[in-house]
């Protein structure tokens, strides 16, 4: 459900001719009722929103997967560059992507918000509509959370729950020497999309990838159920950093080949005169939320066949080696130097882990 609105230059929502009600006027319990009325029950939800706690039932023999992410205005998102509907979708997508990277099935989630009292109710209505639209696509149910006033800026916290049979859960630490390295989709689009938004562009494939990422839930679960992946992670910090998480956790190294890195047509067109920048952004940009995983070389055809069956592009980009480190190699065999990166909130810069 999209709610018609106009935005001021700073992204705040204003209605056409009438003044919209603010959260101060609606009150905390009015906000909760508004959200609860849009949240239906779901699989495994015995008691949902409306009591002191939710009661959930998980499948016998499964383990519960839980993940939490906090998004802070001015650090993780800029309201002048996004709309509340897609902000709601992305706020949940980053959590569902974590469940996908473990090979799990999403079930439910909690939403906590710290919101300025002057925020229009329409903003929150559109935000939760976006979040629930993505939840519905993946069978996840909103079962509770919390709200409070924020002295300045919007703070979003989502905790998601999923499940998977214990021996099918895929971790970062299982890569073995000789494994092949694969990635779904294309890389670098989200980072390019953010750059284009900051330049004033409003639409296009990279911008869609940044504002409304699609978690690879079906793909992660298919890999886990087929027993093909030895390790897996979602690409949130960038290929260089997230590959490093796998190699560190598995006590191995990796060779990755630049010419095999999957890049979209829009991305290649933008960087056609800047080949070095093209690779660097794709390797370090982050927020692609594609799946990066390893599999035995003997299962290569099985991996390709699986992704063909579920109509998802997947690319073999390298292999696991015994020597430590993540090595990017150009077509002539020379090393391509890339800082591993990964955002450090307390250093407030891109830095090595």
C-alpha atoms as a PDB file:
ATOM      1  CA  UNK A   1       0.000   0.000   0.000  1.00  0.00           C
ATOM      2  CA  UNK A   2       1.561   3.269  -1.102  1.00  0.00           C
ATOM      3  CA  UNK A   3       0.248   6.432   0.509  1.00  0.00           C
ATOM      4  CA  UNK A   4       0.191   9.482  -1.717  1.00  0.00           C
ATOM      5  CA  UNK A   5       2.433  12.250  -0.418  1.00  0.00           C
ATOM      6  CA  UNK A   6       4.776  15.040  -1.324  1.00  0.00           C
ATOM      7  CA  UNK A   7       8.239  15.438   0.137  1.00  0.00           C
ATOM      8  CA  UNK A   8      10.093  18.527   1.207  1.00  0.00           C
ATOM      9  CA  UNK A   9      13.704  18.966   0.130  1.00  0.00           C
ATOM     10  CA  UNK A  10      14.909  17.144   3.230  1.00  0.00           C
ATOM     11  CA  UNK A  11      12.756  14.094   2.519  1.00  0.00           C
ATOM     12  CA  UNK A  12      10.169  14.627   5.258  1.00  0.00           C
ATOM     13  CA  UNK A  13       6.651  13.726   4.217  1.00  0.00           C
ATOM     14  CA  UNK A  14       3.966  16.374   3.894  1.00  0.00           C
ATOM     15  CA  UNK A  15       0.413  15.774   2.702  1.00  0.00           C
ATOM     16  CA  UNK A  16      -1.117  17.641  -0.196  1.00  0.00           C
ATOM     17  CA  UNK A  17      -3.537  20.229   1.248  1.00  0.00           C
ATOM     18  CA  UNK A  18      -4.209  18.920   4.734  1.00  0.00           C
ATOM     19  CA  UNK A  19      -1.783  18.750   7.600  1.00  0.00           C
ATOM     20  CA  UNK A  20      -1.023  15.159   8.476  1.00  0.00           C
ATOM     21  CA  UNK A  21      -1.380  13.928  12.048  1.00  0.00           C
ATOM     22  CA  UNK A  22       1.922  13.574  13.886  1.00  0.00           C
ATOM     23  CA  UNK A  23       2.976  10.726  16.155  1.00  0.00           C
ATOM     24  CA  UNK A  24       2.681  13.105  19.113  1.00  0.00           C
ATOM     25  CA  UNK A  25      -1.017  13.480  18.320  1.00  0.00           C
ATOM     26  CA  UNK A  26      -1.594   9.793  17.593  1.00  0.00           C
ATOM     27  CA  UNK A  27       0.122   8.571  20.776  1.00  0.00           C
ATOM     28  CA  UNK A  28       2.150   5.430  21.358  1.00  0.00           C
ATOM     29  CA  UNK A  29      -0.815   3.085  21.625  1.00  0.00           C
ATOM     30  CA  UNK A  30      -2.425   4.565  18.540  1.00  0.00           C
ATOM     31  CA  UNK A  31       0.767   3.795  16.643  1.00  0.00           C
ATOM     32  CA  UNK A  32       0.834   0.232  17.970  1.00  0.00           C
ATOM     33  CA  UNK A  33      -2.806  -0.321  16.997  1.00  0.00           C
ATOM     34  CA  UNK A  34      -2.125   0.989  13.506  1.00  0.00           C
ATOM     35  CA  UNK A  35       0.750  -1.459  13.027  1.00  0.00           C
ATOM     36  CA  UNK A  36      -1.078  -4.382  14.650  1.00  0.00           C
ATOM     37  CA  UNK A  37      -4.100  -3.964  12.388  1.00  0.00           C
ATOM     38  CA  UNK A  38      -1.884  -4.548   9.352  1.00  0.00           C
ATOM     39  CA  UNK A  39      -0.107  -7.608  10.788  1.00  0.00           C
ATOM     40  CA  UNK A  40      -1.769 -10.953  10.175  1.00  0.00           C
ATOM     41  CA  UNK A  41      -0.880 -14.203  11.894  1.00  0.00           C
ATOM     42  CA  UNK A  42       1.611 -16.513  10.289  1.00  0.00           C
ATOM     43  CA  UNK A  43       3.112 -19.962  10.310  1.00  0.00           C
ATOM     44  CA  UNK A  44       4.368 -20.851  13.769  1.00  0.00           C
ATOM     45  CA  UNK A  45       2.815 -17.812  15.481  1.00  0.00           C
ATOM     46  CA  UNK A  46       0.683 -18.950  18.425  1.00  0.00           C
ATOM     47  CA  UNK A  47       0.352 -15.495  20.033  1.00  0.00           C
ATOM     48  CA  UNK A  48       1.241 -12.393  18.036  1.00  0.00           C
ATOM     49  CA  UNK A  49       0.981  -8.668  18.665  1.00  0.00           C
ATOM     50  CA  UNK A  50      -1.268  -7.621  21.555  1.00  0.00           C
ATOM     51  CA  UNK A  51       0.062  -9.427  24.602  1.00  0.00           C
ATOM     52  CA  UNK A  52       3.124  -8.996  26.818  1.00  0.00           C
ATOM     53  CA  UNK A  53       5.128 -11.348  24.622  1.00  0.00           C
ATOM     54  CA  UNK A  54       4.739 -13.335  21.449  1.00  0.00           C
ATOM     55  CA  UNK A  55       4.523 -17.120  21.516  1.00  0.00           C
ATOM     56  CA  UNK A  56       6.141 -18.948  18.610  1.00  0.00           C
ATOM     57  CA  UNK A  57       6.219 -22.602  17.626  1.00  0.00           C
ATOM     58  CA  UNK A  58       9.190 -23.945  15.682  1.00  0.00           C
ATOM     59  CA  UNK A  59       9.400 -27.184  13.742  1.00  0.00           C
ATOM     60  CA  UNK A  60      10.544 -30.206  15.735  1.00  0.00           C
ATOM     61  CA  UNK A  61      14.211 -30.944  15.143  1.00  0.00           C
ATOM     62  CA  UNK A  62      14.987 -27.444  13.885  1.00  0.00           C
ATOM     63  CA  UNK A  63      17.224 -24.842  15.433  1.00  0.00           C
ATOM     64  CA  UNK A  64      16.103 -21.243  15.823  1.00  0.00           C
ATOM     65  CA  UNK A  65      18.107 -18.689  13.847  1.00  0.00           C
ATOM     66  CA  UNK A  66      18.050 -15.109  15.128  1.00  0.00           C
ATOM     67  CA  UNK A  67      19.619 -11.931  13.797  1.00  0.00           C
ATOM     68  CA  UNK A  68      19.319  -8.247  14.611  1.00  0.00           C
ATOM     69  CA  UNK A  69      20.198  -5.041  12.782  1.00  0.00           C
ATOM     70  CA  UNK A  70      19.912  -1.409  13.811  1.00  0.00           C
ATOM     71  CA  UNK A  71      19.606   1.381  11.238  1.00  0.00           C
ATOM     72  CA  UNK A  72      20.226   4.971  12.308  1.00  0.00           C
ATOM     73  CA  UNK A  73      19.216   8.035  10.319  1.00  0.00           C
ATOM     74  CA  UNK A  74      22.286   9.894   9.116  1.00  0.00           C
ATOM     75  CA  UNK A  75      24.487   6.795   9.311  1.00  0.00           C
ATOM     76  CA  UNK A  76      22.647   3.996   7.510  1.00  0.00           C
ATOM     77  CA  UNK A  77      20.102   5.983   5.520  1.00  0.00           C
ATOM     78  CA  UNK A  78      19.296   9.502   4.367  1.00  0.00           C
ATOM     79  CA  UNK A  79      15.616  10.435   4.181  1.00  0.00           C
ATOM     80  CA  UNK A  80      16.334  12.864   1.361  1.00  0.00           C
ATOM     81  CA  UNK A  81      17.423   9.907  -0.798  1.00  0.00           C
ATOM     82  CA  UNK A  82      14.755   7.307  -0.066  1.00  0.00           C
ATOM     83  CA  UNK A  83      11.031   7.009   0.562  1.00  0.00           C
ATOM     84  CA  UNK A  84       9.449   5.369   3.623  1.00  0.00           C
ATOM     85  CA  UNK A  85       7.985   2.415   1.709  1.00  0.00           C
ATOM     86  CA  UNK A  86      11.338   1.269   0.375  1.00  0.00           C
ATOM     87  CA  UNK A  87      13.068   2.147   3.642  1.00  0.00           C
ATOM     88  CA  UNK A  88      10.671  -0.276   5.362  1.00  0.00           C
ATOM     89  CA  UNK A  89      11.461  -2.997   2.857  1.00  0.00           C
ATOM     90  CA  UNK A  90      15.219  -2.515   3.152  1.00  0.00           C
ATOM     91  CA  UNK A  91      15.095  -2.466   6.962  1.00  0.00           C
ATOM     92  CA  UNK A  92      13.707  -5.994   6.909  1.00  0.00           C
ATOM     93  CA  UNK A  93      15.695  -7.163   3.876  1.00  0.00           C
ATOM     94  CA  UNK A  94      19.036  -6.856   5.660  1.00  0.00           C
ATOM     95  CA  UNK A  95      17.782  -9.247   8.349  1.00  0.00           C
ATOM     96  CA  UNK A  96      16.191 -11.737   5.972  1.00  0.00           C
ATOM     97  CA  UNK A  97      19.459 -11.781   4.048  1.00  0.00           C
ATOM     98  CA  UNK A  98      21.245 -12.953   7.211  1.00  0.00           C
ATOM     99  CA  UNK A  99      18.728 -15.780   7.618  1.00  0.00           C
ATOM    100  CA  UNK A 100      19.254 -16.677   3.947  1.00  0.00           C
ATOM    101  CA  UNK A 101      23.029 -16.811   4.437  1.00  0.00           C
ATOM    102  CA  UNK A 102      22.559 -19.523   7.071  1.00  0.00           C
ATOM    103  CA  UNK A 103      20.283 -21.491   4.752  1.00  0.00           C
ATOM    104  CA  UNK A 104      17.270 -20.769   6.928  1.00  0.00           C
ATOM    105  CA  UNK A 105      13.578 -20.196   6.482  1.00  0.00           C
ATOM    106  CA  UNK A 106      12.348 -16.821   7.843  1.00  0.00           C
ATOM    107  CA  UNK A 107       9.423 -17.057  10.246  1.00  0.00           C
ATOM    108  CA  UNK A 108       8.874 -13.903  12.279  1.00  0.00           C
ATOM    109  CA  UNK A 109      10.416 -10.625  13.352  1.00  0.00           C
ATOM    110  CA  UNK A 110      10.284  -7.851  15.947  1.00  0.00           C
ATOM    111  CA  UNK A 111      10.297  -4.156  15.063  1.00  0.00           C
ATOM    112  CA  UNK A 112      11.464  -1.434  17.459  1.00  0.00           C
ATOM    113  CA  UNK A 113      11.417   2.233  16.528  1.00  0.00           C
ATOM    114  CA  UNK A 114      12.697   5.436  18.084  1.00  0.00           C
ATOM    115  CA  UNK A 115      10.857   8.184  16.225  1.00  0.00           C
ATOM    116  CA  UNK A 116      10.709  11.976  16.580  1.00  0.00           C
ATOM    117  CA  UNK A 117       7.298  12.934  17.965  1.00  0.00           C
ATOM    118  CA  UNK A 118       6.845  15.398  15.089  1.00  0.00           C
ATOM    119  CA  UNK A 119       7.065  12.629  12.498  1.00  0.00           C
ATOM    120  CA  UNK A 120       3.859  12.312  10.437  1.00  0.00           C
ATOM    121  CA  UNK A 121       1.745   9.216  11.015  1.00  0.00           C
ATOM    122  CA  UNK A 122       1.573   8.782   7.232  1.00  0.00           C
ATOM    123  CA  UNK A 123       5.342   8.262   7.170  1.00  0.00           C
ATOM    124  CA  UNK A 124       5.145   5.412   9.666  1.00  0.00           C
ATOM    125  CA  UNK A 125       2.111   3.940   7.911  1.00  0.00           C
ATOM    126  CA  UNK A 126       3.965   3.831   4.602  1.00  0.00           C
ATOM    127  CA  UNK A 127       7.150   2.547   6.246  1.00  0.00           C
ATOM    128  CA  UNK A 128       5.375  -0.405   7.885  1.00  0.00           C
ATOM    129  CA  UNK A 129       3.445  -1.117   4.679  1.00  0.00           C
ATOM    130  CA  UNK A 130       6.741  -1.472   2.853  1.00  0.00           C
ATOM    131  CA  UNK A 131       8.190  -3.698   5.534  1.00  0.00           C
ATOM    132  CA  UNK A 132       5.123  -5.936   5.607  1.00  0.00           C
ATOM    133  CA  UNK A 133       5.061  -6.201   1.817  1.00  0.00           C
ATOM    134  CA  UNK A 134       8.541  -7.786   1.871  1.00  0.00           C
ATOM    135  CA  UNK A 135       7.610  -9.917   4.880  1.00  0.00           C
ATOM    136  CA  UNK A 136       4.668 -11.301   2.946  1.00  0.00           C
ATOM    137  CA  UNK A 137       6.906 -12.272   0.035  1.00  0.00           C
ATOM    138  CA  UNK A 138       8.976 -14.481   2.340  1.00  0.00           C
ATOM    139  CA  UNK A 139       6.401 -15.778   4.804  1.00  0.00           C
ATOM    140  CA  UNK A 140       7.663 -13.728   7.770  1.00  0.00           C
ATOM    141  CA  UNK A 141       5.261 -12.344  10.381  1.00  0.00           C
ATOM    142  CA  UNK A 142       5.615  -9.239  12.545  1.00  0.00           C
ATOM    143  CA  UNK A 143       4.983 -10.443  16.106  1.00  0.00           C
ATOM    144  CA  UNK A 144       5.899  -7.468  18.310  1.00  0.00           C
ATOM    145  CA  UNK A 145       8.452  -4.847  19.162  1.00  0.00           C
ATOM    146  CA  UNK A 146       8.632  -1.471  20.861  1.00  0.00           C
ATOM    147  CA  UNK A 147       8.267   2.235  20.153  1.00  0.00           C
ATOM    148  CA  UNK A 148       9.685   5.281  21.866  1.00  0.00           C
ATOM    149  CA  UNK A 149      10.322   8.945  21.147  1.00  0.00           C
ATOM    150  CA  UNK A 150      13.630  10.022  19.671  1.00  0.00           C
ATOM    151  CA  UNK A 151      15.058  13.478  20.434  1.00  0.00           C
ATOM    152  CA  UNK A 152      16.373  13.631  16.872  1.00  0.00           C
ATOM    153  CA  UNK A 153      16.378  11.270  13.936  1.00  0.00           C
ATOM    154  CA  UNK A 154      14.785   7.920  13.232  1.00  0.00           C
ATOM    155  CA  UNK A 155      16.252   4.706  14.670  1.00  0.00           C
ATOM    156  CA  UNK A 156      15.057   1.330  13.354  1.00  0.00           C
ATOM    157  CA  UNK A 157      15.840  -1.994  15.013  1.00  0.00           C
ATOM    158  CA  UNK A 158      14.678  -5.311  13.559  1.00  0.00           C
ATOM    159  CA  UNK A 159      15.209  -8.746  15.082  1.00  0.00           C
ATOM    160  CA  UNK A 160      14.312 -11.638  12.802  1.00  0.00           C
ATOM    161  CA  UNK A 161      13.808 -15.333  13.557  1.00  0.00           C
ATOM    162  CA  UNK A 162      14.116 -18.286  11.236  1.00  0.00           C
ATOM    163  CA  UNK A 163      14.639 -22.019  11.411  1.00  0.00           C
ATOM    164  CA  UNK A 164      16.607 -24.790   9.786  1.00  0.00           C
ATOM    165  CA  UNK A 165      17.409 -28.400  10.597  1.00  0.00           C
ATOM    166  CA  UNK A 166      20.664 -28.419  12.566  1.00  0.00           C
ATOM    167  CA  UNK A 167      22.735 -30.414  10.077  1.00  0.00           C
ATOM    168  CA  UNK A 168      21.670 -28.174   7.183  1.00  0.00           C
ATOM    169  CA  UNK A 169      22.680 -24.824   8.688  1.00  0.00           C
ATOM    170  CA  UNK A 170      25.508 -23.260   6.680  1.00  0.00           C
ATOM    171  CA  UNK A 171      28.138 -21.229   8.538  1.00  0.00           C
ATOM    172  CA  UNK A 172      31.053 -19.055   7.452  1.00  0.00           C
ATOM    173  CA  UNK A 173      33.640 -21.445   8.834  1.00  0.00           C
ATOM    174  CA  UNK A 174      33.277 -24.499   6.598  1.00  0.00           C
ATOM    175  CA  UNK A 175      35.330 -23.615   3.510  1.00  0.00           C
ATOM    176  CA  UNK A 176      37.947 -26.224   2.589  1.00  0.00           C
ATOM    177  CA  UNK A 177      41.038 -26.084   0.405  1.00  0.00           C
ATOM    178  CA  UNK A 178      40.039 -26.906  -3.168  1.00  0.00           C
ATOM    179  CA  UNK A 179      36.476 -25.591  -2.802  1.00  0.00           C
ATOM    180  CA  UNK A 180      35.154 -23.343  -5.557  1.00  0.00           C
ATOM    181  CA  UNK A 181      33.818 -19.877  -4.734  1.00  0.00           C
ATOM    182  CA  UNK A 182      30.469 -18.727  -6.141  1.00  0.00           C
ATOM    183  CA  UNK A 183      28.367 -15.581  -5.927  1.00  0.00           C
ATOM    184  CA  UNK A 184      24.760 -14.932  -6.929  1.00  0.00           C
ATOM    185  CA  UNK A 185      23.627 -11.998  -9.059  1.00  0.00           C
ATOM    186  CA  UNK A 186      25.880  -9.029  -9.789  1.00  0.00           C
ATOM    187  CA  UNK A 187      28.090  -6.890  -7.562  1.00  0.00           C
ATOM    188  CA  UNK A 188      28.654  -3.166  -7.137  1.00  0.00           C
ATOM    189  CA  UNK A 189      25.184  -2.023  -8.189  1.00  0.00           C
ATOM    190  CA  UNK A 190      24.148  -0.811  -4.738  1.00  0.00           C
ATOM    191  CA  UNK A 191      27.292   1.285  -4.235  1.00  0.00           C
ATOM    192  CA  UNK A 192      26.837   2.813  -7.679  1.00  0.00           C
ATOM    193  CA  UNK A 193      23.164   3.444  -6.906  1.00  0.00           C
ATOM    194  CA  UNK A 194      24.068   5.400  -3.769  1.00  0.00           C
ATOM    195  CA  UNK A 195      26.584   7.452  -5.746  1.00  0.00           C
ATOM    196  CA  UNK A 196      23.942   8.270  -8.367  1.00  0.00           C
ATOM    197  CA  UNK A 197      21.388   9.224  -5.723  1.00  0.00           C
ATOM    198  CA  UNK A 198      23.859  11.633  -4.169  1.00  0.00           C
ATOM    199  CA  UNK A 199      24.331  13.194  -7.605  1.00  0.00           C
ATOM    200  CA  UNK A 200      20.614  13.853  -7.818  1.00  0.00           C
ATOM    201  CA  UNK A 201      19.481  10.964 -10.012  1.00  0.00           C
ATOM    202  CA  UNK A 202      16.184   9.391  -9.009  1.00  0.00           C
ATOM    203  CA  UNK A 203      15.714   6.166 -10.962  1.00  0.00           C
ATOM    204  CA  UNK A 204      17.523   3.311 -12.654  1.00  0.00           C
ATOM    205  CA  UNK A 205      18.627  -0.244 -11.981  1.00  0.00           C
ATOM    206  CA  UNK A 206      21.537   0.580  -9.610  1.00  0.00           C
ATOM    207  CA  UNK A 207      19.316   2.917  -7.596  1.00  0.00           C
ATOM    208  CA  UNK A 208      16.657   0.210  -7.283  1.00  0.00           C
ATOM    209  CA  UNK A 209      19.347  -2.214  -6.089  1.00  0.00           C
ATOM    210  CA  UNK A 210      20.403   0.233  -3.377  1.00  0.00           C
ATOM    211  CA  UNK A 211      16.981   1.315  -2.139  1.00  0.00           C
ATOM    212  CA  UNK A 212      15.150  -2.010  -2.430  1.00  0.00           C
ATOM    213  CA  UNK A 213      17.567  -4.969  -2.169  1.00  0.00           C
ATOM    214  CA  UNK A 214      16.106  -8.453  -2.614  1.00  0.00           C
ATOM    215  CA  UNK A 215      17.333 -10.992  -0.058  1.00  0.00           C
ATOM    216  CA  UNK A 216      18.219 -14.358  -1.603  1.00  0.00           C
ATOM    217  CA  UNK A 217      16.091 -16.363   0.807  1.00  0.00           C
ATOM    218  CA  UNK A 218      14.936 -19.059  -1.601  1.00  0.00           C
ATOM    219  CA  UNK A 219      18.445 -19.513  -2.949  1.00  0.00           C
ATOM    220  CA  UNK A 220      20.093 -19.831   0.462  1.00  0.00           C
ATOM    221  CA  UNK A 221      17.590 -22.399   1.606  1.00  0.00           C
ATOM    222  CA  UNK A 222      17.907 -24.376  -1.630  1.00  0.00           C
ATOM    223  CA  UNK A 223      21.683 -24.562  -1.211  1.00  0.00           C
ATOM    224  CA  UNK A 224      21.354 -25.691   2.391  1.00  0.00           C
ATOM    225  CA  UNK A 225      18.661 -28.270   1.680  1.00  0.00           C
ATOM    226  CA  UNK A 226      20.747 -29.723  -1.158  1.00  0.00           C
ATOM    227  CA  UNK A 227      23.838 -29.902   1.057  1.00  0.00           C
ATOM    228  CA  UNK A 228      25.958 -28.131  -1.566  1.00  0.00           C
ATOM    229  CA  UNK A 229      27.484 -25.173   0.296  1.00  0.00           C
ATOM    230  CA  UNK A 230      30.393 -25.683   2.676  1.00  0.00           C
ATOM    231  CA  UNK A 231      30.316 -22.033   3.804  1.00  0.00           C
ATOM    232  CA  UNK A 232      28.158 -19.027   3.046  1.00  0.00           C
ATOM    233  CA  UNK A 233      27.721 -15.330   3.854  1.00  0.00           C
ATOM    234  CA  UNK A 234      25.649 -12.495   2.462  1.00  0.00           C
ATOM    235  CA  UNK A 235      27.516  -9.585   0.892  1.00  0.00           C
ATOM    236  CA  UNK A 236      26.793  -6.591   3.095  1.00  0.00           C
ATOM    237  CA  UNK A 237      30.285  -5.135   3.635  1.00  0.00           C
ATOM    238  CA  UNK A 238      31.577  -5.873   0.115  1.00  0.00           C
ATOM    239  CA  UNK A 239      33.084  -8.910  -1.557  1.00  0.00           C
ATOM    240  CA  UNK A 240      36.613  -8.258  -0.233  1.00  0.00           C
ATOM    241  CA  UNK A 241      35.512  -7.934   3.397  1.00  0.00           C
ATOM    242  CA  UNK A 242      32.954 -10.741   3.358  1.00  0.00           C
ATOM    243  CA  UNK A 243      35.279 -13.168   1.594  1.00  0.00           C
ATOM    244  CA  UNK A 244      37.717 -12.323   4.370  1.00  0.00           C
ATOM    245  CA  UNK A 245      35.141 -13.339   6.973  1.00  0.00           C
ATOM    246  CA  UNK A 246      34.896 -16.766   5.325  1.00  0.00           C
ATOM    247  CA  UNK A 247      38.657 -17.266   4.998  1.00  0.00           C
ATOM    248  CA  UNK A 248      39.306 -16.089   8.558  1.00  0.00           C
ATOM    249  CA  UNK A 249      36.606 -18.342   9.974  1.00  0.00           C
ATOM    250  CA  UNK A 250      37.787 -21.313   7.928  1.00  0.00           C
ATOM    251  CA  UNK A 251      41.561 -20.763   8.391  1.00  0.00           C
ATOM    252  CA  UNK A 252      42.143 -20.770   4.625  1.00  0.00           C
ATOM    253  CA  UNK A 253      42.828 -18.288   1.838  1.00  0.00           C
ATOM    254  CA  UNK A 254      41.170 -17.441  -1.470  1.00  0.00           C
ATOM    255  CA  UNK A 255      42.090 -16.619  -5.052  1.00  0.00           C
ATOM    256  CA  UNK A 256      39.465 -14.500  -6.816  1.00  0.00           C
ATOM    257  CA  UNK A 257      39.638 -13.602 -10.508  1.00  0.00           C
ATOM    258  CA  UNK A 258      38.679 -10.070 -11.577  1.00  0.00           C
ATOM    259  CA  UNK A 259      37.465 -11.094 -15.036  1.00  0.00           C
ATOM    260  CA  UNK A 260      34.947 -13.456 -13.421  1.00  0.00           C
ATOM    261  CA  UNK A 261      33.351 -10.888 -11.071  1.00  0.00           C
ATOM    262  CA  UNK A 262      29.726 -10.569 -12.278  1.00  0.00           C
ATOM    263  CA  UNK A 263      28.823  -6.989 -13.203  1.00  0.00           C
ATOM    264  CA  UNK A 264      25.504  -5.708 -14.537  1.00  0.00           C
ATOM    265  CA  UNK A 265      25.174  -3.989 -17.894  1.00  0.00           C
ATOM    266  CA  UNK A 266      24.271  -0.687 -16.190  1.00  0.00           C
ATOM    267  CA  UNK A 267      27.319  -0.950 -13.978  1.00  0.00           C
ATOM    268  CA  UNK A 268      29.727  -1.722 -16.828  1.00  0.00           C
ATOM    269  CA  UNK A 269      28.334   1.137 -18.897  1.00  0.00           C
ATOM    270  CA  UNK A 270      28.879   3.614 -16.068  1.00  0.00           C
ATOM    271  CA  UNK A 271      32.500   2.541 -15.502  1.00  0.00           C
ATOM    272  CA  UNK A 272      33.480   1.793 -19.117  1.00  0.00           C
ATOM    273  CA  UNK A 273      36.223   4.470 -19.053  1.00  0.00           C
ATOM    274  CA  UNK A 274      37.320   3.732 -15.466  1.00  0.00           C
ATOM    275  CA  UNK A 275      38.239   0.009 -15.321  1.00  0.00           C
ATOM    276  CA  UNK A 276      40.169   0.227 -12.054  1.00  0.00           C
ATOM    277  CA  UNK A 277      37.328   2.074 -10.322  1.00  0.00           C
ATOM    278  CA  UNK A 278      34.912  -0.464 -11.793  1.00  0.00           C
ATOM    279  CA  UNK A 279      36.542  -3.362  -9.995  1.00  0.00           C
ATOM    280  CA  UNK A 280      37.335  -1.474  -6.804  1.00  0.00           C
ATOM    281  CA  UNK A 281      33.715  -0.380  -6.281  1.00  0.00           C
ATOM    282  CA  UNK A 282      32.407  -3.867  -7.029  1.00  0.00           C
ATOM    283  CA  UNK A 283      34.820  -5.429  -4.518  1.00  0.00           C
ATOM    284  CA  UNK A 284      34.384  -2.976  -1.647  1.00  0.00           C
ATOM    285  CA  UNK A 285      31.069  -1.155  -2.160  1.00  0.00           C
ATOM    286  CA  UNK A 286      28.823  -3.420  -0.084  1.00  0.00           C
ATOM    287  CA  UNK A 287      25.052  -3.672   0.421  1.00  0.00           C
ATOM    288  CA  UNK A 288      24.549  -5.969  -2.558  1.00  0.00           C
ATOM    289  CA  UNK A 289      23.013  -8.663  -0.309  1.00  0.00           C
ATOM    290  CA  UNK A 290      23.979 -11.385  -2.753  1.00  0.00           C
ATOM    291  CA  UNK A 291      25.082 -14.790  -1.450  1.00  0.00           C
ATOM    292  CA  UNK A 292      28.792 -15.635  -1.441  1.00  0.00           C
ATOM    293  CA  UNK A 293      29.411 -19.333  -0.882  1.00  0.00           C
ATOM    294  CA  UNK A 294      31.872 -22.169  -1.346  1.00  0.00           C
ATOM    295  CA  UNK A 295      31.233 -25.691  -2.613  1.00  0.00           C
ATOM    296  CA  UNK A 296      33.410 -28.726  -3.397  1.00  0.00           C
ATOM    297  CA  UNK A 297      34.766 -28.725  -6.943  1.00  0.00           C
ATOM    298  CA  UNK A 298      33.111 -32.124  -7.432  1.00  0.00           C
ATOM    299  CA  UNK A 299      29.704 -30.428  -6.928  1.00  0.00           C
ATOM    300  CA  UNK A 300      30.213 -27.666  -9.485  1.00  0.00           C
ATOM    301  CA  UNK A 301      27.663 -29.007 -11.967  1.00  0.00           C
ATOM    302  CA  UNK A 302      25.168 -29.649  -9.195  1.00  0.00           C
ATOM    303  CA  UNK A 303      25.457 -25.992  -8.102  1.00  0.00           C
ATOM    304  CA  UNK A 304      24.972 -24.705 -11.639  1.00  0.00           C
ATOM    305  CA  UNK A 305      22.030 -27.045 -12.187  1.00  0.00           C
ATOM    306  CA  UNK A 306      20.349 -25.964  -8.938  1.00  0.00           C
ATOM    307  CA  UNK A 307      20.536 -22.270  -9.824  1.00  0.00           C
ATOM    308  CA  UNK A 308      19.308 -22.940 -13.320  1.00  0.00           C
ATOM    309  CA  UNK A 309      16.251 -24.653 -11.845  1.00  0.00           C
ATOM    310  CA  UNK A 310      15.460 -21.669  -9.600  1.00  0.00           C
ATOM    311  CA  UNK A 311      16.206 -19.114 -12.347  1.00  0.00           C
ATOM    312  CA  UNK A 312      18.955 -17.291 -10.460  1.00  0.00           C
ATOM    313  CA  UNK A 313      22.279 -16.225 -11.972  1.00  0.00           C
ATOM    314  CA  UNK A 314      25.321 -17.642 -10.198  1.00  0.00           C
ATOM    315  CA  UNK A 315      28.990 -17.233 -11.092  1.00  0.00           C
ATOM    316  CA  UNK A 316      32.101 -19.171 -10.160  1.00  0.00           C
ATOM    317  CA  UNK A 317      34.665 -16.499  -9.223  1.00  0.00           C
ATOM    318  CA  UNK A 318      37.584 -18.301  -7.578  1.00  0.00           C
ATOM    319  CA  UNK A 319      38.830 -21.066  -5.330  1.00  0.00           C
ATOM    320  CA  UNK A 320      39.944 -21.739  -1.771  1.00  0.00           C
ATOM    321  CA  UNK A 321      43.695 -22.118  -1.230  1.00  0.00           C
ATOM    322  CA  UNK A 322      45.792 -23.060   1.823  1.00  0.00           C
ATOM    323  CA  UNK A 323      47.769 -19.787   1.963  1.00  0.00           C
ATOM    324  CA  UNK A 324      46.029 -17.147   4.109  1.00  0.00           C
ATOM    325  CA  UNK A 325      44.562 -13.957   2.675  1.00  0.00           C
ATOM    326  CA  UNK A 326      42.149 -12.930  -0.057  1.00  0.00           C
ATOM    327  CA  UNK A 327      43.967 -12.443  -3.365  1.00  0.00           C
ATOM    328  CA  UNK A 328      42.432 -10.688  -6.370  1.00  0.00           C
ATOM    329  CA  UNK A 329      44.107 -11.615  -9.642  1.00  0.00           C
ATOM    330  CA  UNK A 330      43.880  -9.791 -12.968  1.00  0.00           C
ATOM    331  CA  UNK A 331      43.741 -11.696 -16.287  1.00  0.00           C
ATOM    332  CA  UNK A 332      47.533 -11.519 -16.648  1.00  0.00           C
ATOM    333  CA  UNK A 333      48.005 -13.094 -13.225  1.00  0.00           C
ATOM    334  CA  UNK A 334      49.082  -9.883 -11.487  1.00  0.00           C
ATOM    335  CA  UNK A 335      47.669  -9.033  -8.066  1.00  0.00           C
ATOM    336  CA  UNK A 336      45.042  -6.321  -7.805  1.00  0.00           C
ATOM    337  CA  UNK A 337      45.457  -4.548  -4.479  1.00  0.00           C
ATOM    338  CA  UNK A 338      42.221  -3.947  -2.603  1.00  0.00           C
ATOM    339  CA  UNK A 339      41.824  -2.913   1.005  1.00  0.00           C
ATOM    340  CA  UNK A 340      39.609  -5.401   2.723  1.00  0.00           C
ATOM    341  CA  UNK A 341      37.428  -2.649   4.147  1.00  0.00           C
ATOM    342  CA  UNK A 342      34.225  -3.093   6.074  1.00  0.00           C
ATOM    343  CA  UNK A 343      32.586  -0.198   7.879  1.00  0.00           C
ATOM    344  CA  UNK A 344      33.720   0.484  11.441  1.00  0.00           C
ATOM    345  CA  UNK A 345      31.117   2.619  13.207  1.00  0.00           C
ATOM    346  CA  UNK A 346      33.410   3.698  16.007  1.00  0.00           C
ATOM    347  CA  UNK A 347      36.269   4.671  13.722  1.00  0.00           C
ATOM    348  CA  UNK A 348      33.685   6.207  11.358  1.00  0.00           C
ATOM    349  CA  UNK A 349      35.593   5.107   8.296  1.00  0.00           C
ATOM    350  CA  UNK A 350      36.120   2.206   5.970  1.00  0.00           C
ATOM    351  CA  UNK A 351      38.893   0.206   7.587  1.00  0.00           C
ATOM    352  CA  UNK A 352      40.450  -3.159   7.958  1.00  0.00           C
ATOM    353  CA  UNK A 353      38.799  -5.490  10.424  1.00  0.00           C
END
